[in-house]
Amino acid sequence: MDVAHCYLEGNADAVEFCLHDGYQQVLAASTYTLQEGEQPIRAGSISLFDVNAEKGNLELFHRVDTAGIFYIKWSTVGSNVSPLLAQADADGYLRIYSLEGCCNEKKPRGGF
């Protein structure tokens, strides 16, 4: 059963829900696209969505362009800091993003 869907403008590579209290409706989706040529470019993005399965709603609230992404992972639950999202990318970097000013009871906003 398709509850909601969204085109990511790239090859979907990874998706992961945030498990931190108050952020469980936040879904991160990453992309990886190889743009071939004399000097290939490995482009990607991370998109953050507010997911409301009861209403069948998937709303993009933040997007950042990056190098092509191999893997994303939210930080474990239990710390008193904002949720962190780790990214391993095609440029050989490990990047850590902090989810800032995001969620209230009505609608997520903000981003990295």
N, C-alpha and C. Protein backbone atom coordinates (compact mmCIF):
# COMPACT_ATOMS: atom_id res chain seq x y z
N MET A 1 0.84 -1.17 0.00
CA MET A 1 0.00 0.00 0.00
C MET A 1 0.89 1.24 0.00
N ASP A 2 0.75 2.08 -1.00
CA ASP A 2 1.51 3.32 -1.13
C ASP A 2 0.83 4.40 -0.30
N VAL A 3 1.47 4.82 0.79
CA VAL A 3 0.90 5.87 1.66
C VAL A 3 1.22 7.24 1.10
N ALA A 4 2.45 7.43 0.63
CA ALA A 4 2.88 8.71 0.06
C ALA A 4 4.14 8.46 -0.75
N HIS A 5 4.45 9.37 -1.67
CA HIS A 5 5.67 9.23 -2.45
C HIS A 5 6.17 10.61 -2.89
N CYS A 6 7.44 10.66 -3.27
CA CYS A 6 8.06 11.92 -3.68
C CYS A 6 9.22 11.60 -4.62
N TYR A 7 9.37 12.35 -5.69
CA TYR A 7 10.51 12.20 -6.59
C TYR A 7 11.70 12.97 -6.02
N LEU A 8 12.86 12.34 -5.93
CA LEU A 8 14.02 12.94 -5.27
C LEU A 8 14.99 13.64 -6.22
N GLU A 9 14.77 13.65 -7.51
CA GLU A 9 15.67 14.28 -8.48
C GLU A 9 17.07 13.68 -8.41
N GLY A 10 17.14 12.39 -8.29
CA GLY A 10 18.40 11.65 -8.24
C GLY A 10 18.11 10.21 -7.90
N ASN A 11 19.14 9.39 -7.88
CA ASN A 11 18.96 7.98 -7.54
C ASN A 11 18.87 7.84 -6.03
N ALA A 12 17.71 7.40 -5.55
CA ALA A 12 17.53 7.20 -4.11
C ALA A 12 18.55 6.17 -3.63
N ASP A 13 19.25 6.50 -2.56
CA ASP A 13 20.33 5.64 -2.08
C ASP A 13 20.04 5.10 -0.69
N ALA A 14 19.55 5.95 0.20
CA ALA A 14 19.28 5.52 1.58
C ALA A 14 18.15 6.35 2.16
N VAL A 15 17.38 5.73 3.04
CA VAL A 15 16.34 6.43 3.80
C VAL A 15 16.40 5.96 5.24
N GLU A 16 16.13 6.87 6.16
CA GLU A 16 16.15 6.49 7.56
C GLU A 16 15.31 7.46 8.38
N PHE A 17 14.42 6.89 9.22
CA PHE A 17 13.65 7.70 10.16
C PHE A 17 14.51 8.04 11.37
N CYS A 18 14.28 9.22 11.92
CA CYS A 18 14.93 9.64 13.16
C CYS A 18 14.16 9.04 14.33
N LEU A 19 14.87 8.45 15.29
CA LEU A 19 14.21 7.78 16.41
C LEU A 19 14.18 8.62 17.69
N HIS A 20 14.70 9.83 17.65
CA HIS A 20 14.72 10.69 18.83
C HIS A 20 13.31 11.16 19.19
N ASP A 21 13.04 11.29 20.49
CA ASP A 21 11.74 11.76 20.95
C ASP A 21 11.40 13.10 20.30
N GLY A 22 10.18 13.19 19.79
CA GLY A 22 9.72 14.41 19.14
C GLY A 22 10.13 14.54 17.69
N TYR A 23 10.93 13.61 17.20
CA TYR A 23 11.42 13.68 15.82
C TYR A 23 11.10 12.42 15.01
N GLN A 24 10.28 11.53 15.55
CA GLN A 24 10.04 10.24 14.89
C GLN A 24 9.37 10.37 13.53
N GLN A 25 8.75 11.49 13.23
CA GLN A 25 8.11 11.68 11.93
C GLN A 25 9.08 12.25 10.89
N VAL A 26 10.34 12.48 11.28
CA VAL A 26 11.33 13.03 10.36
C VAL A 26 12.03 11.89 9.62
N LEU A 27 11.97 11.95 8.30
CA LEU A 27 12.60 10.96 7.43
C LEU A 27 13.71 11.64 6.64
N ALA A 28 14.91 11.08 6.67
CA ALA A 28 16.02 11.56 5.85
C ALA A 28 16.15 10.63 4.64
N ALA A 29 16.29 11.21 3.46
CA ALA A 29 16.49 10.44 2.24
C ALA A 29 17.71 11.01 1.53
N SER A 30 18.59 10.13 1.06
CA SER A 30 19.80 10.59 0.37
C SER A 30 19.84 10.05 -1.06
N THR A 31 20.60 10.76 -1.90
CA THR A 31 20.73 10.36 -3.31
C THR A 31 22.20 10.28 -3.71
N TYR A 32 22.43 9.55 -4.79
CA TYR A 32 23.75 9.43 -5.40
C TYR A 32 23.53 9.33 -6.90
N THR A 33 24.12 10.27 -7.64
CA THR A 33 23.99 10.26 -9.09
C THR A 33 25.36 10.49 -9.71
N LEU A 34 25.76 9.61 -10.61
CA LEU A 34 27.01 9.76 -11.34
C LEU A 34 26.71 10.48 -12.65
N GLN A 35 27.32 11.67 -12.82
CA GLN A 35 27.19 12.42 -14.06
C GLN A 35 28.46 12.16 -14.87
N GLU A 36 28.33 11.28 -15.88
CA GLU A 36 29.49 10.83 -16.63
C GLU A 36 30.00 11.92 -17.55
N GLY A 37 31.27 11.80 -17.93
CA GLY A 37 31.92 12.75 -18.82
C GLY A 37 33.42 12.63 -18.66
N GLU A 38 34.17 13.59 -19.23
CA GLU A 38 35.63 13.57 -19.09
C GLU A 38 36.04 13.64 -17.63
N GLN A 39 35.35 14.44 -16.86
CA GLN A 39 35.57 14.52 -15.42
C GLN A 39 34.25 14.20 -14.73
N PRO A 40 34.04 12.92 -14.39
CA PRO A 40 32.77 12.51 -13.79
C PRO A 40 32.49 13.27 -12.49
N ILE A 41 31.23 13.56 -12.27
CA ILE A 41 30.79 14.23 -11.05
C ILE A 41 29.86 13.28 -10.31
N ARG A 42 30.14 13.09 -9.03
CA ARG A 42 29.28 12.27 -8.17
C ARG A 42 28.50 13.22 -7.28
N ALA A 43 27.27 13.50 -7.67
CA ALA A 43 26.43 14.46 -6.97
C ALA A 43 25.40 13.75 -6.12
N GLY A 44 24.92 14.43 -5.11
CA GLY A 44 23.89 13.85 -4.25
C GLY A 44 23.15 14.93 -3.49
N SER A 45 22.28 14.47 -2.61
CA SER A 45 21.52 15.39 -1.77
C SER A 45 20.99 14.64 -0.56
N ILE A 46 20.67 15.40 0.47
CA ILE A 46 19.92 14.89 1.61
C ILE A 46 18.64 15.70 1.68
N SER A 47 17.53 15.00 1.75
CA SER A 47 16.22 15.64 1.90
C SER A 47 15.61 15.21 3.21
N LEU A 48 15.01 16.15 3.92
CA LEU A 48 14.31 15.85 5.17
C LEU A 48 12.82 16.03 4.94
N PHE A 49 12.06 15.05 5.39
CA PHE A 49 10.61 15.05 5.20
C PHE A 49 9.88 14.93 6.52
N ASP A 50 8.72 15.56 6.58
CA ASP A 50 7.75 15.34 7.66
C ASP A 50 6.79 14.29 7.12
N VAL A 51 6.71 13.15 7.79
CA VAL A 51 5.86 12.05 7.34
C VAL A 51 4.65 11.95 8.26
N ASN A 52 3.47 11.99 7.66
CA ASN A 52 2.22 11.79 8.39
C ASN A 52 1.47 10.67 7.68
N ALA A 53 1.67 9.43 8.15
CA ALA A 53 1.08 8.26 7.50
C ALA A 53 -0.44 8.27 7.60
N GLU A 54 -0.97 8.81 8.70
CA GLU A 54 -2.43 8.84 8.87
C GLU A 54 -3.10 9.68 7.79
N LYS A 55 -2.45 10.78 7.39
CA LYS A 55 -3.00 11.65 6.36
C LYS A 55 -2.44 11.34 4.97
N GLY A 56 -1.50 10.39 4.90
CA GLY A 56 -0.89 10.07 3.61
C GLY A 56 -0.06 11.23 3.08
N ASN A 57 0.67 11.90 3.98
CA ASN A 57 1.39 13.11 3.62
C ASN A 57 2.89 12.93 3.81
N LEU A 58 3.66 13.35 2.83
CA LEU A 58 5.11 13.34 2.86
C LEU A 58 5.55 14.73 2.41
N GLU A 59 5.97 15.58 3.36
CA GLU A 59 6.26 16.98 3.03
C GLU A 59 7.74 17.29 3.21
N LEU A 60 8.38 17.73 2.13
CA LEU A 60 9.78 18.14 2.17
C LEU A 60 9.88 19.44 2.97
N PHE A 61 10.79 19.47 3.97
CA PHE A 61 10.98 20.73 4.69
C PHE A 61 12.43 21.21 4.68
N HIS A 62 13.37 20.39 4.19
CA HIS A 62 14.75 20.86 4.06
C HIS A 62 15.49 19.96 3.08
N ARG A 63 16.36 20.58 2.28
CA ARG A 63 17.17 19.82 1.32
C ARG A 63 18.53 20.49 1.21
N VAL A 64 19.58 19.69 1.14
CA VAL A 64 20.93 20.20 0.95
C VAL A 64 21.61 19.37 -0.13
N ASP A 65 22.28 20.06 -1.08
CA ASP A 65 23.04 19.38 -2.12
C ASP A 65 24.41 19.01 -1.56
N THR A 66 24.88 17.82 -1.92
CA THR A 66 26.14 17.29 -1.39
C THR A 66 26.86 16.54 -2.50
N ALA A 67 27.99 15.96 -2.15
CA ALA A 67 28.60 14.95 -3.02
C ALA A 67 27.70 13.72 -2.96
N GLY A 68 27.88 12.80 -3.88
CA GLY A 68 27.09 11.57 -3.86
C GLY A 68 27.20 10.86 -2.52
N ILE A 69 26.10 10.39 -2.01
CA ILE A 69 26.06 9.82 -0.66
C ILE A 69 26.02 8.29 -0.74
N PHE A 70 26.91 7.67 0.03
CA PHE A 70 26.93 6.21 0.15
C PHE A 70 26.04 5.73 1.29
N TYR A 71 26.02 6.49 2.40
CA TYR A 71 25.35 5.99 3.60
C TYR A 71 24.97 7.16 4.50
N ILE A 72 23.80 7.04 5.16
CA ILE A 72 23.40 7.98 6.20
C ILE A 72 22.95 7.20 7.42
N LYS A 73 23.10 7.81 8.59
CA LYS A 73 22.69 7.16 9.84
C LYS A 73 22.43 8.23 10.90
N TRP A 74 21.23 8.15 11.54
CA TRP A 74 20.92 9.04 12.66
C TRP A 74 21.67 8.58 13.90
N SER A 75 22.00 9.54 14.78
CA SER A 75 22.63 9.21 16.06
C SER A 75 21.68 8.40 16.92
N THR A 76 22.25 7.67 17.87
CA THR A 76 21.43 6.85 18.75
C THR A 76 20.65 7.73 19.72
N VAL A 77 19.56 7.20 20.21
CA VAL A 77 18.70 7.90 21.15
C VAL A 77 19.33 7.83 22.53
N GLY A 78 19.15 8.88 23.32
CA GLY A 78 19.63 8.84 24.69
C GLY A 78 20.41 10.06 25.11
N SER A 79 20.90 10.82 24.16
CA SER A 79 21.64 12.03 24.52
C SER A 79 20.69 13.22 24.60
N ASN A 80 21.15 14.28 25.24
CA ASN A 80 20.32 15.47 25.39
C ASN A 80 20.61 16.51 24.32
N VAL A 81 21.29 16.14 23.26
CA VAL A 81 21.60 17.07 22.18
C VAL A 81 20.62 16.85 21.03
N SER A 82 20.61 17.79 20.09
CA SER A 82 19.76 17.63 18.91
C SER A 82 20.18 16.38 18.15
N PRO A 83 19.26 15.76 17.42
CA PRO A 83 19.62 14.58 16.62
C PRO A 83 20.73 14.93 15.63
N LEU A 84 21.65 13.99 15.45
CA LEU A 84 22.75 14.15 14.50
C LEU A 84 22.56 13.15 13.37
N LEU A 85 22.87 13.58 12.15
CA LEU A 85 22.80 12.70 10.98
C LEU A 85 24.20 12.61 10.38
N ALA A 86 24.74 11.39 10.30
CA ALA A 86 26.06 11.16 9.72
C ALA A 86 25.90 10.81 8.24
N GLN A 87 26.86 11.27 7.43
CA GLN A 87 26.85 11.04 5.99
C GLN A 87 28.24 10.60 5.56
N ALA A 88 28.34 9.51 4.79
CA ALA A 88 29.58 9.10 4.14
C ALA A 88 29.40 9.37 2.65
N ASP A 89 30.34 10.14 2.05
CA ASP A 89 30.09 10.56 0.67
C ASP A 89 31.21 10.20 -0.29
N ALA A 90 30.94 10.43 -1.57
CA ALA A 90 31.83 10.04 -2.66
C ALA A 90 33.11 10.87 -2.71
N ASP A 91 33.16 11.99 -1.99
CA ASP A 91 34.38 12.78 -1.92
C ASP A 91 35.33 12.27 -0.84
N GLY A 92 34.94 11.18 -0.15
CA GLY A 92 35.78 10.60 0.87
C GLY A 92 35.59 11.20 2.25
N TYR A 93 34.54 11.99 2.42
CA TYR A 93 34.30 12.65 3.70
C TYR A 93 33.23 11.96 4.51
N LEU A 94 33.39 12.08 5.81
CA LEU A 94 32.33 11.76 6.76
C LEU A 94 31.86 13.10 7.29
N ARG A 95 30.59 13.40 7.12
CA ARG A 95 30.04 14.68 7.57
C ARG A 95 28.96 14.41 8.62
N ILE A 96 28.89 15.29 9.60
CA ILE A 96 27.89 15.19 10.65
C ILE A 96 27.04 16.45 10.61
N TYR A 97 25.73 16.29 10.54
CA TYR A 97 24.79 17.40 10.55
C TYR A 97 23.98 17.34 11.84
N SER A 98 23.66 18.51 12.37
CA SER A 98 22.80 18.61 13.55
C SER A 98 21.44 19.13 13.11
N LEU A 99 20.38 18.45 13.52
CA LEU A 99 19.03 18.87 13.17
C LEU A 99 18.64 19.99 14.12
N GLU A 100 18.50 21.20 13.59
CA GLU A 100 18.26 22.39 14.41
C GLU A 100 16.85 22.92 14.21
N GLY A 101 16.27 23.41 15.30
CA GLY A 101 15.00 24.12 15.24
C GLY A 101 13.93 23.40 14.46
N CYS A 102 13.82 22.12 14.66
CA CYS A 102 13.00 21.33 13.76
C CYS A 102 11.55 21.21 14.16
N CYS A 103 11.29 20.44 15.14
CA CYS A 103 9.93 19.93 15.29
C CYS A 103 9.19 20.52 16.47
N ASN A 104 7.93 20.76 16.20
CA ASN A 104 6.99 21.04 17.27
C ASN A 104 5.83 20.11 17.04
N GLU A 105 4.76 20.28 17.75
CA GLU A 105 3.65 19.33 17.63
C GLU A 105 2.91 19.47 16.31
N LYS A 106 3.02 20.60 15.63
CA LYS A 106 2.24 20.80 14.41
C LYS A 106 3.00 20.45 13.15
N LYS A 107 4.20 20.98 12.98
CA LYS A 107 4.89 20.80 11.71
C LYS A 107 6.39 21.01 11.88
N PRO A 108 7.21 20.13 11.27
CA PRO A 108 8.65 20.35 11.35
C PRO A 108 9.06 21.55 10.51
N ARG A 109 10.14 22.16 10.91
CA ARG A 109 10.73 23.26 10.16
C ARG A 109 12.21 23.27 10.51
N GLY A 110 12.97 24.05 9.81
CA GLY A 110 14.40 24.11 10.11
C GLY A 110 15.17 23.12 9.27
N GLY A 111 16.33 22.79 9.73
CA GLY A 111 17.18 21.87 9.00
C GLY A 111 18.55 21.80 9.63
N PHE A 112 19.57 21.62 8.79
CA PHE A 112 20.94 21.47 9.28
C PHE A 112 21.59 22.81 9.43
